């Protein structure tokens, strides 16, 4: 007799939506480093119950974006310059590899990717600039023909996104 599995719901995962929204807010600086976060406040601001907020905060803590705050709740983690330098070391090596492989294949990037970057740069929308950067690098990774490059960068993309947000806001 085969063990039975419980059927899963096909509805969108609210925890993932809350996680993504909070991560975007951390990346763009709406939730700056050191800001104290409580389940109640976030649930109210996002118009959801506390449960998906609790789960999203646990994921953000595991990923290093929030940490326990003195007392109750959590706070947005300060940027760690040494960690970010290490992430950029890995990214620069993978970017160079992707560009070399793409060039060897004679790949061309879509003109739309370049237009998206120029349009984002002309405005002050931090998220648009971050998304344009992501699209540009994704295009190079795809053009390389090696899917492991994008998968490797994905492990740290959210940290890169956060640093880009901090840099873009300060310039």
N, C-alpha and C. Protein backbone atom coordinates (compact mmCIF):
# COMPACT_ATOMS: atom_id res chain seq x y z
N UNK A 1 0.84 -1.18 0.00
CA UNK A 1 0.00 0.00 0.00
C UNK A 1 0.88 1.24 0.00
N UNK A 2 0.62 2.14 -0.94
CA UNK A 2 1.39 3.38 -1.03
C UNK A 2 0.92 4.37 0.02
N UNK A 3 1.87 5.09 0.64
CA UNK A 3 1.45 6.13 1.58
C UNK A 3 0.75 7.25 0.81
N UNK A 4 -0.28 7.80 1.42
CA UNK A 4 -1.02 8.87 0.75
C UNK A 4 -0.40 10.22 1.08
N UNK A 5 -0.54 11.12 0.14
CA UNK A 5 -0.07 12.49 0.32
C UNK A 5 -1.29 13.40 0.39
N UNK A 6 -1.19 14.42 1.18
CA UNK A 6 -2.27 15.38 1.30
C UNK A 6 -2.21 16.32 0.10
N UNK A 7 -3.35 16.55 -0.52
CA UNK A 7 -3.40 17.44 -1.67
C UNK A 7 -3.11 18.87 -1.26
N UNK A 8 -2.43 19.58 -2.13
CA UNK A 8 -2.08 20.97 -1.87
C UNK A 8 -3.03 21.91 -2.59
N UNK A 9 -3.20 23.06 -2.03
CA UNK A 9 -4.02 24.09 -2.64
C UNK A 9 -3.24 24.76 -3.76
N UNK A 10 -3.93 25.13 -4.83
CA UNK A 10 -3.26 25.80 -5.95
C UNK A 10 -3.30 27.32 -5.83
N UNK A 11 -3.84 27.83 -4.75
CA UNK A 11 -3.94 29.29 -4.60
C UNK A 11 -2.57 29.91 -4.41
N UNK A 12 -2.41 31.18 -4.79
CA UNK A 12 -1.12 31.85 -4.61
C UNK A 12 -0.72 31.86 -3.14
N UNK A 13 0.55 31.72 -2.89
CA UNK A 13 1.07 31.65 -1.54
C UNK A 13 1.21 33.05 -0.96
N UNK A 14 0.39 33.36 0.02
CA UNK A 14 0.39 34.68 0.64
C UNK A 14 1.71 34.96 1.35
N UNK A 15 2.32 33.93 1.92
CA UNK A 15 3.61 34.11 2.60
C UNK A 15 4.65 34.60 1.59
N UNK A 16 4.67 34.01 0.41
CA UNK A 16 5.63 34.43 -0.62
C UNK A 16 5.37 35.87 -1.05
N UNK A 17 4.10 36.24 -1.14
CA UNK A 17 3.76 37.62 -1.52
C UNK A 17 4.23 38.60 -0.45
N UNK A 18 4.00 38.27 0.82
CA UNK A 18 4.43 39.14 1.92
C UNK A 18 5.95 39.22 1.94
N UNK A 19 6.61 38.08 1.77
CA UNK A 19 8.08 38.04 1.74
C UNK A 19 8.61 38.96 0.64
N UNK A 20 8.05 38.81 -0.56
CA UNK A 20 8.51 39.62 -1.70
C UNK A 20 8.28 41.11 -1.45
N UNK A 21 7.12 41.46 -0.91
CA UNK A 21 6.81 42.87 -0.64
C UNK A 21 7.76 43.45 0.40
N UNK A 22 8.02 42.70 1.47
CA UNK A 22 8.94 43.19 2.51
C UNK A 22 10.37 43.27 1.98
N UNK A 23 10.76 42.29 1.18
CA UNK A 23 12.11 42.31 0.61
C UNK A 23 12.29 43.50 -0.33
N UNK A 24 11.27 43.80 -1.12
CA UNK A 24 11.32 44.99 -1.98
C UNK A 24 11.45 46.26 -1.14
N UNK A 25 10.67 46.32 -0.05
CA UNK A 25 10.71 47.50 0.82
C UNK A 25 12.07 47.66 1.48
N UNK A 26 12.69 46.56 1.84
CA UNK A 26 14.05 46.60 2.42
C UNK A 26 15.03 47.04 1.35
N UNK A 27 14.90 46.50 0.15
CA UNK A 27 15.82 46.81 -0.95
C UNK A 27 15.73 48.26 -1.38
N UNK A 28 14.52 48.80 -1.43
CA UNK A 28 14.38 50.19 -1.91
C UNK A 28 14.51 51.20 -0.78
N UNK A 29 14.67 50.72 0.47
CA UNK A 29 14.90 51.63 1.58
C UNK A 29 13.66 52.11 2.29
N UNK A 30 12.48 51.67 1.86
CA UNK A 30 11.26 52.02 2.57
C UNK A 30 11.32 51.49 4.00
N UNK A 31 11.94 50.32 4.15
CA UNK A 31 12.25 49.77 5.46
C UNK A 31 13.78 49.81 5.60
N UNK A 32 14.32 50.88 6.18
CA UNK A 32 15.77 51.06 6.22
C UNK A 32 16.46 50.19 7.28
N UNK A 33 17.77 50.02 7.17
CA UNK A 33 18.52 49.26 8.17
C UNK A 33 18.26 49.80 9.57
N UNK A 34 18.04 48.87 10.50
CA UNK A 34 17.81 49.25 11.88
C UNK A 34 16.35 49.48 12.22
N UNK A 35 15.47 49.59 11.22
CA UNK A 35 14.06 49.83 11.52
C UNK A 35 13.44 48.61 12.19
N UNK A 36 12.75 48.87 13.27
CA UNK A 36 12.07 47.82 14.03
C UNK A 36 10.79 47.42 13.31
N UNK A 37 10.55 46.12 13.21
CA UNK A 37 9.38 45.59 12.52
C UNK A 37 8.58 44.72 13.48
N UNK A 38 7.28 44.94 13.52
CA UNK A 38 6.42 44.08 14.32
C UNK A 38 5.38 43.43 13.42
N UNK A 39 4.98 42.24 13.81
CA UNK A 39 3.98 41.51 13.04
C UNK A 39 2.70 42.32 12.90
N UNK A 40 2.27 42.91 14.00
CA UNK A 40 1.01 43.63 14.01
C UNK A 40 1.02 44.80 13.02
N UNK A 41 2.08 45.60 13.09
CA UNK A 41 2.18 46.76 12.21
C UNK A 41 2.25 46.34 10.74
N UNK A 42 3.09 45.35 10.44
CA UNK A 42 3.24 44.91 9.05
C UNK A 42 1.94 44.30 8.53
N UNK A 43 1.28 43.51 9.36
CA UNK A 43 0.01 42.90 8.95
C UNK A 43 -1.01 43.98 8.62
N UNK A 44 -1.05 45.01 9.44
CA UNK A 44 -1.99 46.10 9.20
C UNK A 44 -1.63 46.84 7.92
N UNK A 45 -0.35 47.17 7.75
CA UNK A 45 0.08 47.91 6.57
C UNK A 45 -0.12 47.13 5.27
N UNK A 46 0.01 45.80 5.33
CA UNK A 46 -0.14 44.96 4.14
C UNK A 46 -1.57 44.42 3.99
N UNK A 47 -2.43 44.70 4.97
CA UNK A 47 -3.82 44.23 4.95
C UNK A 47 -3.91 42.71 4.87
N UNK A 48 -3.12 42.03 5.71
CA UNK A 48 -3.15 40.57 5.81
C UNK A 48 -3.17 40.21 7.29
N UNK A 49 -3.36 38.93 7.57
CA UNK A 49 -3.32 38.48 8.95
C UNK A 49 -1.86 38.38 9.41
N UNK A 50 -1.67 38.16 10.69
CA UNK A 50 -0.31 38.10 11.24
C UNK A 50 0.44 36.84 10.81
N UNK A 51 -0.28 35.74 10.53
CA UNK A 51 0.38 34.47 10.22
C UNK A 51 1.31 34.55 9.00
N UNK A 52 0.87 35.06 7.84
CA UNK A 52 1.82 35.14 6.72
C UNK A 52 2.97 36.10 7.00
N UNK A 53 2.72 37.13 7.80
CA UNK A 53 3.80 38.06 8.16
C UNK A 53 4.83 37.34 9.02
N UNK A 54 4.36 36.56 9.99
CA UNK A 54 5.27 35.79 10.85
C UNK A 54 6.14 34.87 10.02
N UNK A 55 5.53 34.14 9.09
CA UNK A 55 6.29 33.21 8.25
C UNK A 55 7.28 33.96 7.34
N UNK A 56 6.84 35.06 6.78
CA UNK A 56 7.73 35.85 5.92
C UNK A 56 8.91 36.40 6.72
N UNK A 57 8.65 36.87 7.92
CA UNK A 57 9.74 37.39 8.77
C UNK A 57 10.73 36.28 9.12
N UNK A 58 10.24 35.08 9.34
CA UNK A 58 11.14 33.95 9.60
C UNK A 58 12.05 33.69 8.40
N UNK A 59 11.47 33.75 7.20
CA UNK A 59 12.28 33.56 5.99
C UNK A 59 13.29 34.69 5.82
N UNK A 60 12.86 35.92 6.07
CA UNK A 60 13.76 37.06 5.96
C UNK A 60 14.89 36.97 6.98
N UNK A 61 14.59 36.46 8.15
CA UNK A 61 15.62 36.28 9.17
C UNK A 61 16.61 35.21 8.74
N UNK A 62 16.10 34.09 8.22
CA UNK A 62 16.96 33.01 7.73
C UNK A 62 17.88 33.50 6.62
N UNK A 63 17.35 34.39 5.78
CA UNK A 63 18.12 34.90 4.64
C UNK A 63 19.02 36.09 5.01
N UNK A 64 18.96 36.54 6.27
CA UNK A 64 19.86 37.59 6.74
C UNK A 64 19.39 39.02 6.51
N UNK A 65 18.10 39.21 6.21
CA UNK A 65 17.59 40.56 5.97
C UNK A 65 17.01 41.22 7.21
N UNK A 66 16.58 40.41 8.18
CA UNK A 66 16.13 40.93 9.46
C UNK A 66 16.79 40.11 10.56
N UNK A 67 16.83 40.70 11.75
CA UNK A 67 17.42 40.04 12.91
C UNK A 67 16.58 40.38 14.14
N UNK A 68 16.76 39.60 15.19
CA UNK A 68 16.02 39.89 16.42
C UNK A 68 16.36 41.29 16.91
N UNK A 69 15.31 42.00 17.32
CA UNK A 69 15.48 43.34 17.88
C UNK A 69 15.50 43.21 19.40
N UNK A 70 16.21 44.12 20.07
CA UNK A 70 16.16 44.08 21.53
C UNK A 70 14.72 44.23 22.01
N UNK A 71 14.31 43.36 22.90
CA UNK A 71 12.93 43.42 23.36
C UNK A 71 12.06 42.50 22.54
N UNK A 72 11.18 43.08 21.74
CA UNK A 72 10.20 42.30 20.99
C UNK A 72 10.26 42.66 19.51
N UNK A 73 10.10 41.67 18.67
CA UNK A 73 10.06 41.90 17.24
C UNK A 73 11.43 41.71 16.59
N UNK A 74 11.52 42.20 15.38
CA UNK A 74 12.77 42.11 14.62
C UNK A 74 13.08 43.48 14.04
N UNK A 75 14.28 43.62 13.52
CA UNK A 75 14.67 44.86 12.86
C UNK A 75 15.38 44.52 11.57
N UNK A 76 15.38 45.47 10.66
CA UNK A 76 16.08 45.30 9.39
C UNK A 76 17.58 45.28 9.69
N UNK A 77 18.25 44.27 9.17
CA UNK A 77 19.68 44.09 9.40
C UNK A 77 20.48 45.21 8.74
N UNK A 78 21.51 45.65 9.41
CA UNK A 78 22.44 46.63 8.82
C UNK A 78 23.18 45.96 7.66
N UNK A 79 23.58 46.75 6.69
CA UNK A 79 24.37 46.22 5.59
C UNK A 79 25.77 45.86 6.12
N UNK A 80 26.25 44.70 5.75
CA UNK A 80 27.57 44.22 6.17
C UNK A 80 28.51 44.37 4.97
N UNK A 81 29.41 45.34 5.06
CA UNK A 81 30.29 45.66 3.94
C UNK A 81 31.15 44.45 3.54
N UNK A 82 31.67 43.72 4.50
CA UNK A 82 32.53 42.56 4.19
C UNK A 82 31.74 41.48 3.45
N UNK A 83 30.52 41.22 3.89
CA UNK A 83 29.68 40.22 3.22
C UNK A 83 29.36 40.64 1.80
N UNK A 84 28.99 41.89 1.63
CA UNK A 84 28.64 42.39 0.31
C UNK A 84 29.85 42.34 -0.62
N UNK A 85 31.03 42.65 -0.11
CA UNK A 85 32.24 42.57 -0.93
C UNK A 85 32.45 41.14 -1.43
N UNK A 86 32.19 40.18 -0.57
CA UNK A 86 32.34 38.77 -0.97
C UNK A 86 31.30 38.38 -2.02
N UNK A 87 30.09 38.86 -1.85
CA UNK A 87 29.04 38.56 -2.83
C UNK A 87 29.41 39.15 -4.19
N UNK A 88 29.92 40.38 -4.19
CA UNK A 88 30.33 41.01 -5.45
C UNK A 88 31.54 40.33 -6.07
N UNK A 89 32.42 39.74 -5.27
CA UNK A 89 33.53 38.97 -5.83
C UNK A 89 32.98 37.80 -6.65
N UNK A 90 32.02 37.10 -6.08
CA UNK A 90 31.43 35.96 -6.77
C UNK A 90 30.69 36.43 -8.02
N UNK A 91 29.90 37.49 -7.86
CA UNK A 91 29.13 37.99 -9.01
C UNK A 91 30.05 38.44 -10.14
N UNK A 92 31.12 39.14 -9.82
CA UNK A 92 32.00 39.62 -10.89
C UNK A 92 32.64 38.46 -11.64
N UNK A 93 32.99 37.40 -10.94
CA UNK A 93 33.56 36.23 -11.61
C UNK A 93 32.53 35.57 -12.52
N UNK A 94 31.32 35.43 -12.02
CA UNK A 94 30.27 34.81 -12.83
C UNK A 94 29.86 35.69 -14.00
N UNK A 95 29.83 37.01 -13.79
CA UNK A 95 29.53 37.93 -14.89
C UNK A 95 30.58 37.83 -16.00
N UNK A 96 31.84 37.77 -15.60
CA UNK A 96 32.92 37.66 -16.58
C UNK A 96 32.81 36.36 -17.36
N UNK A 97 32.54 35.28 -16.66
CA UNK A 97 32.37 33.98 -17.32
C UNK A 97 31.19 34.02 -18.29
N UNK A 98 30.07 34.57 -17.84
CA UNK A 98 28.88 34.64 -18.70
C UNK A 98 29.15 35.48 -19.94
N UNK A 99 29.80 36.61 -19.77
CA UNK A 99 30.09 37.49 -20.91
C UNK A 99 31.04 36.80 -21.90
N UNK A 100 32.04 36.11 -21.39
CA UNK A 100 32.98 35.40 -22.26
C UNK A 100 32.26 34.31 -23.05
N UNK A 101 31.43 33.51 -22.35
CA UNK A 101 30.70 32.44 -23.03
C UNK A 101 29.71 32.99 -24.06
N UNK A 102 29.04 34.08 -23.71
CA UNK A 102 28.10 34.70 -24.65
C UNK A 102 28.83 35.21 -25.89
N UNK A 103 30.00 35.82 -25.68
CA UNK A 103 30.79 36.32 -26.81
C UNK A 103 31.27 35.17 -27.69
N UNK A 104 31.71 34.09 -27.07
CA UNK A 104 32.16 32.93 -27.84
C UNK A 104 31.03 32.34 -28.68
N UNK A 105 29.80 32.45 -28.18
CA UNK A 105 28.64 31.94 -28.91
C UNK A 105 28.13 32.94 -29.93
N UNK A 106 28.68 34.16 -29.93
CA UNK A 106 28.21 35.20 -30.85
C UNK A 106 26.81 35.69 -30.50
N UNK A 107 26.45 35.59 -29.23
CA UNK A 107 25.11 35.97 -28.79
C UNK A 107 24.95 37.49 -28.82
N UNK A 108 23.73 37.92 -29.04
CA UNK A 108 23.39 39.34 -29.02
C UNK A 108 22.27 39.55 -28.00
N UNK A 109 22.38 40.65 -27.28
CA UNK A 109 21.34 40.99 -26.31
C UNK A 109 20.19 41.70 -27.02
N UNK A 110 19.02 41.51 -26.48
CA UNK A 110 17.83 42.15 -27.03
C UNK A 110 17.94 43.66 -26.88
N UNK A 111 17.61 44.42 -27.93
CA UNK A 111 17.60 45.88 -27.81
C UNK A 111 16.62 46.36 -26.73
N UNK A 112 15.59 45.57 -26.46
CA UNK A 112 14.62 45.92 -25.42
C UNK A 112 15.29 45.99 -24.05
N UNK A 113 16.23 45.11 -23.79
CA UNK A 113 16.94 45.12 -22.50
C UNK A 113 17.71 46.43 -22.36
N UNK A 114 18.34 46.87 -23.43
CA UNK A 114 19.10 48.12 -23.39
C UNK A 114 18.16 49.32 -23.22
N UNK A 115 17.03 49.30 -23.92
CA UNK A 115 16.04 50.39 -23.78
C UNK A 115 15.51 50.46 -22.35
N UNK A 116 15.23 49.30 -21.77
CA UNK A 116 14.74 49.25 -20.39
C UNK A 116 15.74 49.90 -19.44
N UNK A 117 17.02 49.62 -19.64
CA UNK A 117 18.06 50.20 -18.79
C UNK A 117 18.15 51.71 -18.95
N UNK A 118 18.12 52.17 -20.19
CA UNK A 118 18.20 53.63 -20.43
C UNK A 118 16.99 54.36 -19.86
N UNK A 119 15.82 53.76 -20.02
CA UNK A 119 14.60 54.36 -19.49
C UNK A 119 14.65 54.41 -17.97
N UNK A 120 15.08 53.34 -17.35
CA UNK A 120 15.16 53.30 -15.88
C UNK A 120 16.16 54.33 -15.36
N UNK A 121 17.28 54.47 -16.06
CA UNK A 121 18.31 55.41 -15.62
C UNK A 121 17.84 56.85 -15.71
N UNK A 122 16.95 57.13 -16.66
CA UNK A 122 16.49 58.51 -16.85
C UNK A 122 15.53 58.96 -15.75
N UNK A 123 14.98 58.02 -15.01
CA UNK A 123 14.06 58.36 -13.92
C UNK A 123 14.73 58.21 -12.57
N UNK A 124 13.97 58.29 -11.53
CA UNK A 124 14.50 58.11 -10.18
C UNK A 124 13.81 56.96 -9.46
N UNK A 125 13.19 56.06 -10.21
CA UNK A 125 12.50 54.92 -9.64
C UNK A 125 13.52 53.83 -9.33
N UNK A 126 13.85 53.68 -8.05
CA UNK A 126 14.88 52.74 -7.63
C UNK A 126 14.53 51.32 -8.07
N UNK A 127 13.28 50.90 -7.88
CA UNK A 127 12.89 49.54 -8.27
C UNK A 127 13.04 49.33 -9.77
N UNK A 128 12.70 50.33 -10.57
CA UNK A 128 12.85 50.20 -12.03
C UNK A 128 14.32 50.04 -12.41
N UNK A 129 15.20 50.78 -11.72
CA UNK A 129 16.63 50.66 -12.01
C UNK A 129 17.15 49.28 -11.61
N UNK A 130 16.71 48.79 -10.47
CA UNK A 130 17.13 47.46 -10.02
C UNK A 130 16.62 46.40 -10.99
N UNK A 131 15.37 46.51 -11.41
CA UNK A 131 14.80 45.53 -12.34
C UNK A 131 15.51 45.58 -13.70
N UNK A 132 15.88 46.77 -14.14
CA UNK A 132 16.62 46.89 -15.41
C UNK A 132 17.98 46.23 -15.29
N UNK A 133 18.65 46.42 -14.16
CA UNK A 133 19.95 45.78 -13.93
C UNK A 133 19.80 44.26 -13.94
N UNK A 134 18.78 43.78 -13.27
CA UNK A 134 18.52 42.34 -13.24
C UNK A 134 18.27 41.81 -14.65
N UNK A 135 17.44 42.51 -15.43
CA UNK A 135 17.13 42.08 -16.79
C UNK A 135 18.38 42.03 -17.66
N UNK A 136 19.25 43.04 -17.50
CA UNK A 136 20.50 43.09 -18.28
C UNK A 136 21.39 41.89 -17.95
N UNK A 137 21.59 41.65 -16.66
CA UNK A 137 22.46 40.53 -16.26
C UNK A 137 21.83 39.19 -16.62
N UNK A 138 20.52 39.07 -16.46
CA UNK A 138 19.84 37.82 -16.85
C UNK A 138 20.04 37.55 -18.34
N UNK A 139 19.97 38.60 -19.14
CA UNK A 139 20.16 38.43 -20.58
C UNK A 139 21.56 37.91 -20.89
N UNK A 140 22.55 38.43 -20.18
CA UNK A 140 23.92 37.94 -20.38
C UNK A 140 24.04 36.49 -19.92
N UNK A 141 23.44 36.18 -18.76
CA UNK A 141 23.51 34.79 -18.26
C UNK A 141 22.83 33.84 -19.24
N UNK A 142 21.67 34.23 -19.75
CA UNK A 142 20.96 33.40 -20.73
C UNK A 142 21.78 33.24 -22.00
N UNK A 143 22.41 34.32 -22.44
CA UNK A 143 23.21 34.29 -23.67
C UNK A 143 24.44 33.41 -23.52
N UNK A 144 24.87 33.19 -22.28
CA UNK A 144 26.06 32.35 -22.05
C UNK A 144 25.80 30.90 -22.41
N UNK A 145 24.54 30.48 -22.33
CA UNK A 145 24.22 29.09 -22.60
C UNK A 145 24.46 28.18 -21.41
N UNK A 146 24.88 28.74 -20.27
CA UNK A 146 25.14 27.94 -19.08
C UNK A 146 24.15 28.33 -17.98
N UNK A 147 23.11 27.52 -17.76
CA UNK A 147 22.08 27.88 -16.78
C UNK A 147 22.60 27.88 -15.33
N UNK A 148 23.72 27.26 -15.09
CA UNK A 148 24.26 27.23 -13.73
C UNK A 148 24.74 28.61 -13.28
N UNK A 149 25.08 29.47 -14.21
CA UNK A 149 25.53 30.81 -13.86
C UNK A 149 24.38 31.57 -13.20
N UNK A 150 23.23 31.60 -13.83
CA UNK A 150 22.07 32.31 -13.26
C UNK A 150 21.65 31.68 -11.94
N UNK A 151 21.67 30.37 -11.86
CA UNK A 151 21.30 29.70 -10.61
C UNK A 151 22.25 30.08 -9.48
N UNK A 152 23.53 30.20 -9.79
CA UNK A 152 24.51 30.57 -8.78
C UNK A 152 24.31 32.00 -8.30
N UNK A 153 24.06 32.90 -9.22
CA UNK A 153 23.85 34.30 -8.85
C UNK A 153 22.54 34.46 -8.07
N UNK A 154 21.54 33.67 -8.41
CA UNK A 154 20.25 33.75 -7.73
C UNK A 154 20.37 33.56 -6.22
N UNK A 155 21.35 32.79 -5.79
CA UNK A 155 21.53 32.56 -4.35
C UNK A 155 21.74 33.86 -3.58
N UNK A 156 22.32 34.86 -4.24
CA UNK A 156 22.69 36.09 -3.56
C UNK A 156 22.03 37.33 -4.16
N UNK A 157 21.13 37.12 -5.12
CA UNK A 157 20.57 38.26 -5.82
C UNK A 157 19.88 39.25 -4.89
N UNK A 158 19.17 38.76 -3.90
CA UNK A 158 18.44 39.67 -3.01
C UNK A 158 19.40 40.58 -2.22
N UNK A 159 20.55 40.06 -1.87
CA UNK A 159 21.53 40.90 -1.17
C UNK A 159 22.09 41.96 -2.13
N UNK A 160 22.32 41.57 -3.37
CA UNK A 160 22.78 42.53 -4.37
C UNK A 160 21.73 43.61 -4.61
N UNK A 161 20.49 43.18 -4.68
CA UNK A 161 19.37 44.10 -4.89
C UNK A 161 19.30 45.13 -3.75
N UNK A 162 19.53 44.67 -2.54
CA UNK A 162 19.48 45.57 -1.38
C UNK A 162 20.61 46.61 -1.44
N UNK A 163 21.79 46.16 -1.80
CA UNK A 163 22.92 47.09 -1.89
C UNK A 163 22.69 48.08 -3.02
N UNK A 164 22.20 47.59 -4.16
CA UNK A 164 21.91 48.54 -5.26
C UNK A 164 20.90 49.57 -4.82
N UNK A 165 19.88 49.15 -4.08
CA UNK A 165 18.88 50.09 -3.59
C UNK A 165 19.50 51.15 -2.70
N UNK A 166 20.39 50.73 -1.81
CA UNK A 166 21.06 51.68 -0.89
C UNK A 166 21.94 52.66 -1.67
N UNK A 167 22.67 52.15 -2.64
CA UNK A 167 23.56 53.00 -3.43
C UNK A 167 22.75 53.99 -4.28
N UNK A 168 21.71 53.49 -4.93
CA UNK A 168 20.90 54.35 -5.79
C UNK A 168 20.17 55.43 -5.00
N UNK A 169 19.78 55.14 -3.78
CA UNK A 169 19.11 56.14 -2.97
C UNK A 169 20.06 57.23 -2.48
N UNK A 170 21.32 56.86 -2.31
CA UNK A 170 22.28 57.83 -1.77
C UNK A 170 22.89 58.70 -2.86
N UNK A 171 22.66 58.36 -4.12
CA UNK A 171 23.28 59.15 -5.21
C UNK A 171 22.33 60.18 -5.74
